[in-house]
Amino acid sequence: MPKMKTKSSCKKRFKVTAKGRVKAGQAGKRHGMIKRTNKFLRNARGTTTLSDPDAKIIKSMMPYS
């Protein structure tokens, strides 16, 4: 059997942690920061882990992660 291909978009945007959780950049911080609250900007720093239903979708696109 040939190797399965990983989705290029997932390869660029997501990483899988040692425990199998999917790590992603925080959404909603590309533009329009003036209308966002300071609390939102503080909480949206760094990366976040996806919820289990979302992680299941991403993992299906990354067969070797």
PDB file of N, CA and C in Angstrom:
ATOM      1  N   MET A   1       0.838  -1.193   0.000  1.00  0.00           N
ATOM      2  CA  MET A   1       0.000   0.000   0.000  1.00  0.00           C
ATOM      3  C   MET A   1       0.879   1.251   0.000  1.00  0.00           C
ATOM      4  N   PRO A   2       0.467   2.272  -0.754  1.00  0.00           N
ATOM      5  CA  PRO A   2       1.218   3.530  -0.706  1.00  0.00           C
ATOM      6  C   PRO A   2       0.965   4.263   0.606  1.00  0.00           C
ATOM      7  N   LYS A   3       1.842   5.193   0.897  1.00  0.00           N
ATOM      8  CA  LYS A   3       1.683   5.990   2.112  1.00  0.00           C
ATOM      9  C   LYS A   3       0.469   6.906   1.974  1.00  0.00           C
ATOM     10  N   MET A   4      -0.172   7.191   3.100  1.00  0.00           N
ATOM     11  CA  MET A   4      -1.277   8.148   3.096  1.00  0.00           C
ATOM     12  C   MET A   4      -0.704   9.556   3.130  1.00  0.00           C
ATOM     13  N   LYS A   5      -1.409  10.468   2.509  1.00  0.00           N
ATOM     14  CA  LYS A   5      -0.928  11.846   2.480  1.00  0.00           C
ATOM     15  C   LYS A   5      -1.543  12.656   3.607  1.00  0.00           C
ATOM     16  N   THR A   6      -0.725  13.545   4.182  1.00  0.00           N
ATOM     17  CA  THR A   6      -1.184  14.486   5.201  1.00  0.00           C
ATOM     18  C   THR A   6      -1.699  15.730   4.498  1.00  0.00           C
ATOM     19  N   LYS A   7      -2.825  16.286   4.984  1.00  0.00           N
ATOM     20  CA  LYS A   7      -3.333  17.541   4.426  1.00  0.00           C
ATOM     21  C   LYS A   7      -2.328  18.647   4.681  1.00  0.00           C
ATOM     22  N   SER A   8      -1.923  19.359   3.634  1.00  0.00           N
ATOM     23  CA  SER A   8      -0.916  20.408   3.782  1.00  0.00           C
ATOM     24  C   SER A   8      -1.399  21.532   4.684  1.00  0.00           C
ATOM     25  N   SER A   9      -2.694  21.841   4.623  1.00  0.00           N
ATOM     26  CA  SER A   9      -3.202  22.933   5.449  1.00  0.00           C
ATOM     27  C   SER A   9      -3.103  22.586   6.929  1.00  0.00           C
ATOM     28  N   CYS A  10      -3.344  21.326   7.283  1.00  0.00           N
ATOM     29  CA  CYS A  10      -3.253  20.909   8.688  1.00  0.00           C
ATOM     30  C   CYS A  10      -1.803  20.861   9.149  1.00  0.00           C
ATOM     31  N   LYS A  11      -0.925  20.455   8.270  1.00  0.00           N
ATOM     32  CA  LYS A  11       0.484  20.378   8.604  1.00  0.00           C
ATOM     33  C   LYS A  11       1.021  21.751   9.000  1.00  0.00           C
ATOM     34  N   LYS A  12       0.515  22.794   8.328  1.00  0.00           N
ATOM     35  CA  LYS A  12       0.987  24.147   8.589  1.00  0.00           C
ATOM     36  C   LYS A  12       0.367  24.758   9.845  1.00  0.00           C
ATOM     37  N   ARG A  13      -0.857  24.347  10.191  1.00  0.00           N
ATOM     38  CA  ARG A  13      -1.606  25.054  11.227  1.00  0.00           C
ATOM     39  C   ARG A  13      -1.680  24.367  12.575  1.00  0.00           C
ATOM     40  N   PHE A  14      -1.447  23.063  12.622  1.00  0.00           N
ATOM     41  CA  PHE A  14      -1.676  22.316  13.851  1.00  0.00           C
ATOM     42  C   PHE A  14      -0.479  21.462  14.225  1.00  0.00           C
ATOM     43  N   LYS A  15      -0.330  21.208  15.530  1.00  0.00           N
ATOM     44  CA  LYS A  15       0.654  20.254  16.033  1.00  0.00           C
ATOM     45  C   LYS A  15      -0.051  19.352  17.020  1.00  0.00           C
ATOM     46  N   VAL A  16       0.446  18.128  17.153  1.00  0.00           N
ATOM     47  CA  VAL A  16      -0.125  17.189  18.106  1.00  0.00           C
ATOM     48  C   VAL A  16       0.830  17.074  19.282  1.00  0.00           C
ATOM     49  N   THR A  17       0.311  17.221  20.499  1.00  0.00           N
ATOM     50  CA  THR A  17       1.137  17.162  21.693  1.00  0.00           C
ATOM     51  C   THR A  17       1.464  15.715  22.032  1.00  0.00           C
ATOM     52  N   ALA A  18       2.300  15.529  23.031  1.00  0.00           N
ATOM     53  CA  ALA A  18       2.707  14.180  23.432  1.00  0.00           C
ATOM     54  C   ALA A  18       1.528  13.357  23.933  1.00  0.00           C
ATOM     55  N   LYS A  19       0.530  14.025  24.531  1.00  0.00           N
ATOM     56  CA  LYS A  19      -0.648  13.318  25.029  1.00  0.00           C
ATOM     57  C   LYS A  19      -1.709  13.124  23.961  1.00  0.00           C
ATOM     58  N   GLY A  20      -1.453  13.637  22.747  1.00  0.00           N
ATOM     59  CA  GLY A  20      -2.405  13.433  21.664  1.00  0.00           C
ATOM     60  C   GLY A  20      -3.402  14.554  21.478  1.00  0.00           C
ATOM     61  N   ARG A  21      -3.280  15.636  22.247  1.00  0.00           N
ATOM     62  CA  ARG A  21      -4.163  16.784  22.042  1.00  0.00           C
ATOM     63  C   ARG A  21      -3.662  17.561  20.817  1.00  0.00           C
ATOM     64  N   VAL A  22      -4.555  18.310  20.182  1.00  0.00           N
ATOM     65  CA  VAL A  22      -4.178  19.095  19.014  1.00  0.00           C
ATOM     66  C   VAL A  22      -4.012  20.552  19.436  1.00  0.00           C
ATOM     67  N   LYS A  23      -2.840  21.113  19.133  1.00  0.00           N
ATOM     68  CA  LYS A  23      -2.491  22.469  19.520  1.00  0.00           C
ATOM     69  C   LYS A  23      -2.641  23.375  18.302  1.00  0.00           C
ATOM     70  N   ALA A  24      -3.264  24.537  18.484  1.00  0.00           N
ATOM     71  CA  ALA A  24      -3.502  25.461  17.377  1.00  0.00           C
ATOM     72  C   ALA A  24      -3.315  26.889  17.851  1.00  0.00           C
ATOM     73  N   GLY A  25      -3.098  27.785  16.895  1.00  0.00           N
ATOM     74  CA  GLY A  25      -3.018  29.197  17.218  1.00  0.00           C
ATOM     75  C   GLY A  25      -4.381  29.729  17.592  1.00  0.00           C
ATOM     76  N   GLN A  26      -4.392  30.770  18.398  1.00  0.00           N
ATOM     77  CA  GLN A  26      -5.650  31.339  18.861  1.00  0.00           C
ATOM     78  C   GLN A  26      -6.345  32.081  17.728  1.00  0.00           C
ATOM     79  N   ALA A  27      -7.636  31.863  17.566  1.00  0.00           N
ATOM     80  CA  ALA A  27      -8.402  32.500  16.492  1.00  0.00           C
ATOM     81  C   ALA A  27      -8.811  33.912  16.874  1.00  0.00           C
ATOM     82  N   GLY A  28      -9.073  34.741  15.877  1.00  0.00           N
ATOM     83  CA  GLY A  28      -9.644  36.063  16.107  1.00  0.00           C
ATOM     84  C   GLY A  28      -8.650  37.155  16.394  1.00  0.00           C
ATOM     85  N   LYS A  29      -7.378  36.987  15.979  1.00  0.00           N
ATOM     86  CA  LYS A  29      -6.375  38.002  16.308  1.00  0.00           C
ATOM     87  C   LYS A  29      -5.636  38.527  15.081  1.00  0.00           C
ATOM     88  N   ARG A  30      -6.224  38.389  13.915  1.00  0.00           N
ATOM     89  CA  ARG A  30      -5.525  38.850  12.708  1.00  0.00           C
ATOM     90  C   ARG A  30      -5.693  40.352  12.473  1.00  0.00           C
ATOM     91  N   HIS A  31      -6.895  40.850  12.714  1.00  0.00           N
ATOM     92  CA  HIS A  31      -7.149  42.273  12.470  1.00  0.00           C
ATOM     93  C   HIS A  31      -8.335  42.679  13.321  1.00  0.00           C
ATOM     94  N   GLY A  32      -8.606  43.999  13.366  1.00  0.00           N
ATOM     95  CA  GLY A  32      -9.750  44.501  14.126  1.00  0.00           C
ATOM     96  C   GLY A  32      -9.542  44.457  15.620  1.00  0.00           C
ATOM     97  N   MET A  33      -8.308  44.722  16.076  1.00  0.00           N
ATOM     98  CA  MET A  33      -8.026  44.651  17.505  1.00  0.00           C
ATOM     99  C   MET A  33      -8.699  45.779  18.289  1.00  0.00           C
ATOM    100  N   ILE A  34      -9.033  46.879  17.621  1.00  0.00           N
ATOM    101  CA  ILE A  34      -9.622  48.020  18.328  1.00  0.00           C
ATOM    102  C   ILE A  34     -10.980  47.643  18.906  1.00  0.00           C
ATOM    103  N   LYS A  35     -11.741  46.864  18.174  1.00  0.00           N
ATOM    104  CA  LYS A  35     -13.078  46.505  18.660  1.00  0.00           C
ATOM    105  C   LYS A  35     -13.059  45.347  19.646  1.00  0.00           C
ATOM    106  N   ARG A  36     -11.934  44.675  19.829  1.00  0.00           N
ATOM    107  CA  ARG A  36     -11.835  43.580  20.790  1.00  0.00           C
ATOM    108  C   ARG A  36     -11.585  44.150  22.193  1.00  0.00           C
ATOM    109  N   THR A  37     -12.061  43.450  23.199  1.00  0.00           N
ATOM    110  CA  THR A  37     -11.820  43.906  24.571  1.00  0.00           C
ATOM    111  C   THR A  37     -10.411  43.513  24.997  1.00  0.00           C
ATOM    112  N   ASN A  38      -9.889  44.238  25.983  1.00  0.00           N
ATOM    113  CA  ASN A  38      -8.557  43.915  26.493  1.00  0.00           C
ATOM    114  C   ASN A  38      -8.538  42.529  27.115  1.00  0.00           C
ATOM    115  N   LYS A  39      -9.634  42.139  27.724  1.00  0.00           N
ATOM    116  CA  LYS A  39      -9.728  40.808  28.324  1.00  0.00           C
ATOM    117  C   LYS A  39      -9.594  39.727  27.259  1.00  0.00           C
ATOM    118  N   PHE A  40     -10.258  39.916  26.121  1.00  0.00           N
ATOM    119  CA  PHE A  40     -10.156  38.949  25.034  1.00  0.00           C
ATOM    120  C   PHE A  40      -8.726  38.840  24.538  1.00  0.00           C
ATOM    121  N   LEU A  41      -8.075  39.992  24.341  1.00  0.00           N
ATOM    122  CA  LEU A  41      -6.705  39.991  23.821  1.00  0.00           C
ATOM    123  C   LEU A  41      -5.750  39.309  24.795  1.00  0.00           C
ATOM    124  N   ARG A  42      -5.934  39.520  26.078  1.00  0.00           N
ATOM    125  CA  ARG A  42      -5.090  38.863  27.081  1.00  0.00           C
ATOM    126  C   ARG A  42      -5.277  37.351  27.031  1.00  0.00           C
ATOM    127  N   ASN A  43      -6.544  36.932  27.000  1.00  0.00           N
ATOM    128  CA  ASN A  43      -6.832  35.499  27.038  1.00  0.00           C
ATOM    129  C   ASN A  43      -6.474  34.790  25.740  1.00  0.00           C
ATOM    130  N   ALA A  44      -6.323  35.550  24.657  1.00  0.00           N
ATOM    131  CA  ALA A  44      -6.075  34.944  23.354  1.00  0.00           C
ATOM    132  C   ALA A  44      -4.594  34.915  22.991  1.00  0.00           C
ATOM    133  N   ARG A  45      -3.721  35.131  23.961  1.00  0.00           N
ATOM    134  CA  ARG A  45      -2.282  35.059  23.673  1.00  0.00           C
ATOM    135  C   ARG A  45      -1.850  33.618  23.468  1.00  0.00           C
ATOM    136  N   GLY A  46      -0.800  33.449  22.694  1.00  0.00           N
ATOM    137  CA  GLY A  46      -0.197  32.120  22.565  1.00  0.00           C
ATOM    138  C   GLY A  46      -1.067  31.144  21.796  1.00  0.00           C
ATOM    139  N   THR A  47      -1.039  29.892  22.225  1.00  0.00           N
ATOM    140  CA  THR A  47      -1.758  28.834  21.527  1.00  0.00           C
ATOM    141  C   THR A  47      -2.828  28.251  22.444  1.00  0.00           C
ATOM    142  N   THR A  48      -3.670  27.424  21.861  1.00  0.00           N
ATOM    143  CA  THR A  48      -4.736  26.775  22.612  1.00  0.00           C
ATOM    144  C   THR A  48      -4.863  25.335  22.128  1.00  0.00           C
ATOM    145  N   THR A  49      -5.504  24.494  22.922  1.00  0.00           N
ATOM    146  CA  THR A  49      -5.765  23.121  22.481  1.00  0.00           C
ATOM    147  C   THR A  49      -7.207  23.038  22.014  1.00  0.00           C
ATOM    148  N   LEU A  50      -7.420  22.282  20.966  1.00  0.00           N
ATOM    149  CA  LEU A  50      -8.750  22.160  20.402  1.00  0.00           C
ATOM    150  C   LEU A  50      -9.617  21.233  21.243  1.00  0.00           C
ATOM    151  N   SER A  51     -10.919  21.411  21.127  1.00  0.00           N
ATOM    152  CA  SER A  51     -11.850  20.513  21.801  1.00  0.00           C
ATOM    153  C   SER A  51     -11.798  19.148  21.133  1.00  0.00           C
ATOM    154  N   ASP A  52     -12.284  18.137  21.823  1.00  0.00           N
ATOM    155  CA  ASP A  52     -12.187  16.768  21.321  1.00  0.00           C
ATOM    156  C   ASP A  52     -12.882  16.559  19.969  1.00  0.00           C
ATOM    157  N   PRO A  53     -14.097  17.087  19.735  1.00  0.00           N
ATOM    158  CA  PRO A  53     -14.701  16.892  18.414  1.00  0.00           C
ATOM    159  C   PRO A  53     -13.898  17.543  17.289  1.00  0.00           C
ATOM    160  N   ASP A  54     -13.345  18.741  17.554  1.00  0.00           N
ATOM    161  CA  ASP A  54     -12.529  19.406  16.540  1.00  0.00           C
ATOM    162  C   ASP A  54     -11.226  18.651  16.315  1.00  0.00           C
ATOM    163  N   ALA A  55     -10.625  18.169  17.393  1.00  0.00           N
ATOM    164  CA  ALA A  55      -9.365  17.444  17.280  1.00  0.00           C
ATOM    165  C   ALA A  55      -9.543  16.162  16.482  1.00  0.00           C
ATOM    166  N   LYS A  56     -10.687  15.529  16.615  1.00  0.00           N
ATOM    167  CA  LYS A  56     -10.957  14.285  15.882  1.00  0.00           C
ATOM    168  C   LYS A  56     -10.947  14.539  14.369  1.00  0.00           C
ATOM    169  N   ILE A  57     -11.499  15.670  13.953  1.00  0.00           N
ATOM    170  CA  ILE A  57     -11.516  16.023  12.530  1.00  0.00           C
ATOM    171  C   ILE A  57     -10.104  16.265  12.027  1.00  0.00           C
ATOM    172  N   ILE A  58      -9.322  17.011  12.804  1.00  0.00           N
ATOM    173  CA  ILE A  58      -7.957  17.347  12.385  1.00  0.00           C
ATOM    174  C   ILE A  58      -7.087  16.096  12.332  1.00  0.00           C
ATOM    175  N   LYS A  59      -7.231  15.221  13.313  1.00  0.00           N
ATOM    176  CA  LYS A  59      -6.402  14.012  13.339  1.00  0.00           C
ATOM    177  C   LYS A  59      -6.686  13.092  12.163  1.00  0.00           C
ATOM    178  N   SER A  60      -7.909  13.142  11.643  1.00  0.00           N
ATOM    179  CA  SER A  60      -8.214  12.305  10.479  1.00  0.00           C
ATOM    180  C   SER A  60      -7.482  12.804   9.242  1.00  0.00           C
ATOM    181  N   MET A  61      -7.116  14.080   9.240  1.00  0.00           N
ATOM    182  CA  MET A  61      -6.376  14.649   8.110  1.00  0.00           C
ATOM    183  C   MET A  61      -4.867  14.529   8.286  1.00  0.00           C
ATOM    184  N   MET A  62      -4.418  14.097   9.489  1.00  0.00           N
ATOM    185  CA  MET A  62      -2.993  13.930   9.763  1.00  0.00           C
ATOM    186  C   MET A  62      -2.754  12.491  10.197  1.00  0.00           C
ATOM    187  N   PRO A  63      -2.658  11.568   9.271  1.00  0.00           N
ATOM    188  CA  PRO A  63      -2.635  10.149   9.634  1.00  0.00           C
ATOM    189  C   PRO A  63      -1.414   9.713  10.420  1.00  0.00           C
ATOM    190  N   TYR A  64      -0.293  10.406  10.310  1.00  0.00           N
ATOM    191  CA  TYR A  64       0.928   9.948  10.986  1.00  0.00           C
ATOM    192  C   TYR A  64       1.281  10.791  12.201  1.00  0.00           C
ATOM    193  N   SER A  65       0.330  11.511  12.764  1.00  0.00           N
ATOM    194  CA  SER A  65       0.630  12.351  13.920  1.00  0.00           C
ATOM    195  C   SER A  65       0.258  11.640  15.215  1.00  0.00           C
TER     196      SER A  65
END
